[in-house]
């Protein structure tokens, strides 16, 4: 099934802006981006107009301003994107959704962790390591996920509200967190953003986590414990690359008949 023209156009523009941000594309919209201008409606025209106003030099300033434009473009594109950026963009996290293609959804999660499938709706992905050279050594970096057959030994089911809380505390830092979500004045807004993200998967979604506390309690109160009080089965690489060791992680997986959502928080030093 072909995608709607406006969706295709906005996807093209998103990819172009991300390439400019990464320094891998020309600073003038050409080729596919012109198609985006023709089919993407008012949002595409707004973004291209803003892009033309950004000076090409110096390059680091250009990249920084394009990154800001990309974030605003994604926020304006849909509320889910805006919630993802508000909740998770300031912490070392991974957030991505892929299609459900297998009876054993662990294979679909593997595809998401290896960045081998796109978001089925063209919505935002948060991935600090998408261009990290460490992926030449560890393709799924920072992940080194177990085989699909081992997932049942590493993951535990969660009730929906516990999943919301687990996702919300990913807004915290693993070390020296000055303001755990439970004590923040915007606590309810943080939880609302987490709920918005999980609402994408619908009321029949099933949730899984690598947090060991969930082994005995699928309604675990993650908010009370906070990120620093969470222990888990690791899904991360043990290799020391680019000056980073990984010591903690918290993962949340959402599973539906059509999609798998993967949210992960990393503690690295």
Protein backbone atom coordinates (compact mmCIF):
# COMPACT_ATOMS: atom_id res chain seq x y z
CA UNK A 1 0.00 0.00 0.00
CA UNK A 2 1.43 3.39 -0.99
CA UNK A 3 1.73 6.18 1.55
CA UNK A 4 -0.33 9.39 1.28
CA UNK A 5 1.45 12.11 -0.68
CA UNK A 6 1.64 14.51 2.27
CA UNK A 7 3.10 11.79 4.53
CA UNK A 8 5.74 10.93 1.91
CA UNK A 9 6.60 14.60 1.44
CA UNK A 10 7.02 15.23 5.16
CA UNK A 11 9.09 12.05 5.54
CA UNK A 12 11.41 13.28 2.79
CA UNK A 13 11.78 16.66 4.43
CA UNK A 14 12.45 15.09 7.83
CA UNK A 15 15.19 12.92 6.31
CA UNK A 16 16.71 15.93 4.54
CA UNK A 17 16.82 18.05 7.69
CA UNK A 18 18.33 15.19 9.67
CA UNK A 19 21.01 14.74 7.01
CA UNK A 20 21.82 18.45 7.14
CA UNK A 21 22.01 18.23 10.92
CA UNK A 22 24.45 15.32 10.60
CA UNK A 23 26.47 17.17 7.95
CA UNK A 24 25.80 14.57 5.25
CA UNK A 25 23.64 16.57 2.81
CA UNK A 26 23.86 19.79 0.83
CA UNK A 27 22.48 22.90 2.56
CA UNK A 28 20.07 23.73 -0.28
CA UNK A 29 16.83 21.82 -0.85
CA UNK A 30 17.09 19.92 -4.11
CA UNK A 31 15.60 16.82 -5.73
CA UNK A 32 13.37 14.96 -3.26
CA UNK A 33 13.11 18.01 -1.04
CA UNK A 34 11.49 19.96 -3.85
CA UNK A 35 8.88 17.21 -3.97
CA UNK A 36 8.37 17.74 -0.25
CA UNK A 37 7.69 21.40 -0.89
CA UNK A 38 5.08 20.47 -3.48
CA UNK A 39 3.26 17.85 -1.42
CA UNK A 40 3.88 18.59 2.25
CA UNK A 41 1.45 21.44 2.72
CA UNK A 42 1.90 24.42 5.02
CA UNK A 43 4.26 22.68 7.44
CA UNK A 44 6.73 21.81 4.68
CA UNK A 45 6.63 25.35 3.27
CA UNK A 46 7.19 26.79 6.75
CA UNK A 47 10.18 24.49 7.39
CA UNK A 48 11.79 25.17 4.01
CA UNK A 49 11.33 28.92 4.47
CA UNK A 50 13.02 28.70 7.88
CA UNK A 51 15.83 26.59 6.38
CA UNK A 52 16.54 29.17 3.69
CA UNK A 53 16.97 31.82 6.40
CA UNK A 54 19.76 29.92 8.18
CA UNK A 55 23.25 31.08 7.14
CA UNK A 56 25.37 28.22 5.77
CA UNK A 57 28.48 29.38 7.60
CA UNK A 58 29.96 28.73 10.05
CA UNK A 59 29.12 25.06 9.64
CA UNK A 60 28.80 24.25 13.35
CA UNK A 61 26.32 27.08 13.80
CA UNK A 62 24.41 25.96 10.70
CA UNK A 63 24.17 22.39 12.03
CA UNK A 64 23.04 23.58 15.47
CA UNK A 65 20.31 25.80 14.02
CA UNK A 66 19.15 23.07 11.64
CA UNK A 67 18.92 20.74 14.63
CA UNK A 68 16.66 23.25 16.36
CA UNK A 69 14.54 23.59 13.23
CA UNK A 70 14.26 19.80 12.93
CA UNK A 71 13.04 19.53 16.53
CA UNK A 72 10.41 22.24 15.97
CA UNK A 73 9.35 20.66 12.66
CA UNK A 74 8.86 17.32 14.37
CA UNK A 75 6.94 18.85 17.26
CA UNK A 76 4.57 20.60 14.85
CA UNK A 77 4.08 17.44 12.82
CA UNK A 78 2.18 15.55 15.54
CA UNK A 79 1.50 15.61 19.32
CA UNK A 80 3.25 12.25 19.78
CA UNK A 81 6.52 13.71 18.52
CA UNK A 82 6.16 16.72 20.80
CA UNK A 83 5.55 14.51 23.85
CA UNK A 84 8.58 12.33 23.01
CA UNK A 85 10.86 15.34 22.75
CA UNK A 86 9.57 16.94 25.95
CA UNK A 87 9.91 13.75 27.93
CA UNK A 88 13.08 12.11 26.65
CA UNK A 89 15.19 14.45 24.54
CA UNK A 90 17.33 15.70 27.46
CA UNK A 91 18.39 12.26 28.75
CA UNK A 92 20.39 9.41 27.23
CA UNK A 93 17.51 7.37 25.87
CA UNK A 94 16.36 5.42 22.84
CA UNK A 95 12.78 5.54 21.60
CA UNK A 96 11.64 3.87 18.38
CA UNK A 97 8.72 1.94 16.96
CA UNK A 98 8.75 -0.72 14.27
CA UNK A 99 6.24 -2.95 12.51
CA UNK A 100 5.02 -6.22 14.01
CA UNK A 101 5.80 -8.92 11.45
CA UNK A 102 6.38 -12.06 13.52
CA UNK A 103 4.36 -14.20 15.87
CA UNK A 104 7.35 -14.03 18.19
CA UNK A 105 7.63 -10.27 18.57
CA UNK A 106 11.17 -10.53 19.96
CA UNK A 107 12.33 -10.71 16.33
CA UNK A 108 10.57 -7.39 15.66
CA UNK A 109 12.24 -5.82 18.69
CA UNK A 110 15.59 -7.02 17.35
CA UNK A 111 14.86 -5.21 14.08
CA UNK A 112 14.11 -1.98 15.95
CA UNK A 113 17.31 -2.23 18.03
CA UNK A 114 19.35 -2.77 14.87
CA UNK A 115 17.63 0.24 13.16
CA UNK A 116 16.66 -1.98 10.23
CA UNK A 117 12.97 -0.98 10.06
CA UNK A 118 11.28 2.44 9.83
CA UNK A 119 8.58 3.81 12.07
CA UNK A 120 5.30 2.62 10.48
CA UNK A 121 3.77 6.08 10.88
CA UNK A 122 6.83 8.16 10.08
CA UNK A 123 6.95 9.57 13.60
CA UNK A 124 10.04 10.61 15.52
CA UNK A 125 12.81 8.33 16.72
CA UNK A 126 15.15 9.35 19.50
CA UNK A 127 18.53 7.73 18.97
CA UNK A 128 21.71 9.40 20.19
CA UNK A 129 23.80 6.69 18.55
CA UNK A 130 22.26 6.55 15.07
CA UNK A 131 25.53 7.82 13.50
CA UNK A 132 27.93 6.59 16.18
CA UNK A 133 31.03 4.95 14.68
CA UNK A 134 30.79 2.36 17.47
CA UNK A 135 28.05 0.71 15.40
CA UNK A 136 30.75 -0.50 13.01
CA UNK A 137 31.92 -2.72 15.87
CA UNK A 138 28.58 -3.39 17.59
CA UNK A 139 25.83 -2.97 14.97
CA UNK A 140 23.03 -2.45 17.51
CA UNK A 141 25.17 -0.18 19.76
CA UNK A 142 24.63 0.59 22.57
CA UNK A 143 22.53 -2.57 22.60
CA UNK A 144 23.82 -6.11 22.46
CA UNK A 145 20.44 -7.80 22.80
CA UNK A 146 20.07 -11.47 23.66
CA UNK A 147 18.72 -13.89 21.07
CA UNK A 148 14.97 -13.83 20.64
CA UNK A 149 14.74 -17.20 22.39
CA UNK A 150 16.25 -15.64 25.53
CA UNK A 151 13.80 -12.75 25.82
CA UNK A 152 11.43 -14.64 28.19
CA UNK A 153 14.30 -14.94 30.68
CA UNK A 154 15.09 -11.22 30.56
CA UNK A 155 11.65 -9.56 30.42
CA UNK A 156 8.60 -9.37 32.69
CA UNK A 157 5.03 -8.24 31.94
CA UNK A 158 3.80 -4.89 33.21
CA UNK A 159 0.36 -3.47 33.78
CA UNK A 160 -0.47 -0.36 31.77
CA UNK A 161 -0.13 2.18 34.60
CA UNK A 162 3.16 0.66 35.71
CA UNK A 163 4.37 1.00 32.11
CA UNK A 164 3.46 4.70 32.16
CA UNK A 165 5.49 5.20 35.34
CA UNK A 166 8.46 3.22 33.96
CA UNK A 167 8.51 5.42 30.89
CA UNK A 168 8.11 8.60 32.94
CA UNK A 169 11.19 7.95 35.08
CA UNK A 170 13.29 7.74 31.91
CA UNK A 171 13.16 11.53 32.14
CA UNK A 172 15.55 11.18 35.09
CA UNK A 173 19.33 10.80 35.16
CA UNK A 174 20.93 7.61 36.47
CA UNK A 175 23.44 9.49 38.60
CA UNK A 176 23.02 12.61 40.73
CA UNK A 177 19.41 13.24 39.71
CA UNK A 178 18.49 16.50 41.50
CA UNK A 179 14.76 16.17 40.91
CA UNK A 180 13.15 12.73 40.64
CA UNK A 181 9.87 12.80 38.75
CA UNK A 182 7.93 11.93 41.91
CA UNK A 183 8.92 15.27 43.48
CA UNK A 184 8.85 17.55 40.43
CA UNK A 185 6.30 20.35 40.23
CA UNK A 186 5.49 19.18 36.68
CA UNK A 187 5.06 15.55 37.77
CA UNK A 188 1.57 15.32 36.29
CA UNK A 189 2.74 16.80 32.97
CA UNK A 190 5.61 14.27 32.78
CA UNK A 191 3.18 11.42 33.40
CA UNK A 192 0.80 12.87 30.80
CA UNK A 193 3.56 12.85 28.18
CA UNK A 194 4.42 9.24 29.03
CA UNK A 195 0.76 8.33 28.75
CA UNK A 196 0.52 10.10 25.37
CA UNK A 197 3.40 8.01 24.06
CA UNK A 198 1.86 4.73 25.20
CA UNK A 199 -1.64 5.69 24.05
CA UNK A 200 -0.26 5.26 20.54
CA UNK A 201 -0.35 1.49 21.06
CA UNK A 202 -3.98 1.35 22.08
CA UNK A 203 -5.89 -0.22 24.97
CA UNK A 204 -4.98 -3.82 24.09
CA UNK A 205 -1.20 -3.28 24.08
CA UNK A 206 0.93 -5.54 26.23
CA UNK A 207 3.98 -4.18 28.05
CA UNK A 208 7.25 -5.77 29.07
CA UNK A 209 10.28 -4.55 31.00
CA UNK A 210 13.74 -5.81 31.89
CA UNK A 211 13.37 -4.37 35.43
CA UNK A 212 13.78 -7.21 37.91
CA UNK A 213 11.26 -5.73 40.37
CA UNK A 214 8.51 -6.53 37.87
CA UNK A 215 9.25 -10.26 38.23
CA UNK A 216 7.15 -10.32 41.39
CA UNK A 217 4.88 -7.34 40.76
CA UNK A 218 3.53 -6.33 37.33
CA UNK A 219 2.08 -3.23 39.00
CA UNK A 220 5.49 -2.13 40.32
CA UNK A 221 5.57 1.51 41.49
CA UNK A 222 8.48 2.80 39.40
CA UNK A 223 7.69 6.38 40.30
CA UNK A 224 8.37 5.77 43.99
CA UNK A 225 11.67 4.01 43.35
CA UNK A 226 12.89 6.36 40.64
CA UNK A 227 15.48 5.51 38.03
CA UNK A 228 18.34 5.22 40.52
CA UNK A 229 16.41 2.60 42.49
CA UNK A 230 15.87 0.34 39.49
CA UNK A 231 17.73 -2.91 38.78
CA UNK A 232 17.42 -4.80 35.54
CA UNK A 233 18.66 -7.50 33.21
CA UNK A 234 21.10 -5.77 30.88
CA UNK A 235 20.48 -5.54 27.14
CA UNK A 236 23.57 -3.41 26.48
CA UNK A 237 27.03 -4.03 25.11
CA UNK A 238 29.86 -4.72 27.54
CA UNK A 239 32.45 -3.39 25.11
CA UNK A 240 34.27 -0.18 25.99
CA UNK A 241 33.95 2.03 22.91
CA UNK A 242 34.48 5.75 22.41
CA UNK A 243 35.20 6.23 26.08
CA UNK A 244 31.91 4.85 27.43
CA UNK A 245 31.06 1.95 29.71
CA UNK A 246 27.41 1.00 30.27
CA UNK A 247 26.38 0.01 33.77
CA UNK A 248 22.61 0.48 34.05
CA UNK A 249 19.61 0.34 31.79
CA UNK A 250 15.85 0.32 31.97
CA UNK A 251 13.78 -0.87 29.04
CA UNK A 252 10.10 -0.84 28.20
CA UNK A 253 8.58 -2.69 25.23
CA UNK A 254 5.04 -2.16 23.95
CA UNK A 255 3.55 -4.91 21.78
CA UNK A 256 0.44 -4.77 19.59
CA UNK A 257 -0.77 -6.76 16.62
CA UNK A 258 0.73 -4.13 14.30
CA UNK A 259 3.65 -2.45 16.09
CA UNK A 260 6.39 -2.85 18.68
CA UNK A 261 7.52 0.19 20.61
CA UNK A 262 10.93 0.20 22.30
CA UNK A 263 11.94 2.73 24.98
CA UNK A 264 15.27 2.48 26.78
CA UNK A 265 17.26 4.53 29.27
CA UNK A 266 21.05 4.17 29.60
CA UNK A 267 23.47 4.76 32.44
CA UNK A 268 26.94 5.29 30.96
CA UNK A 269 30.26 6.60 32.30
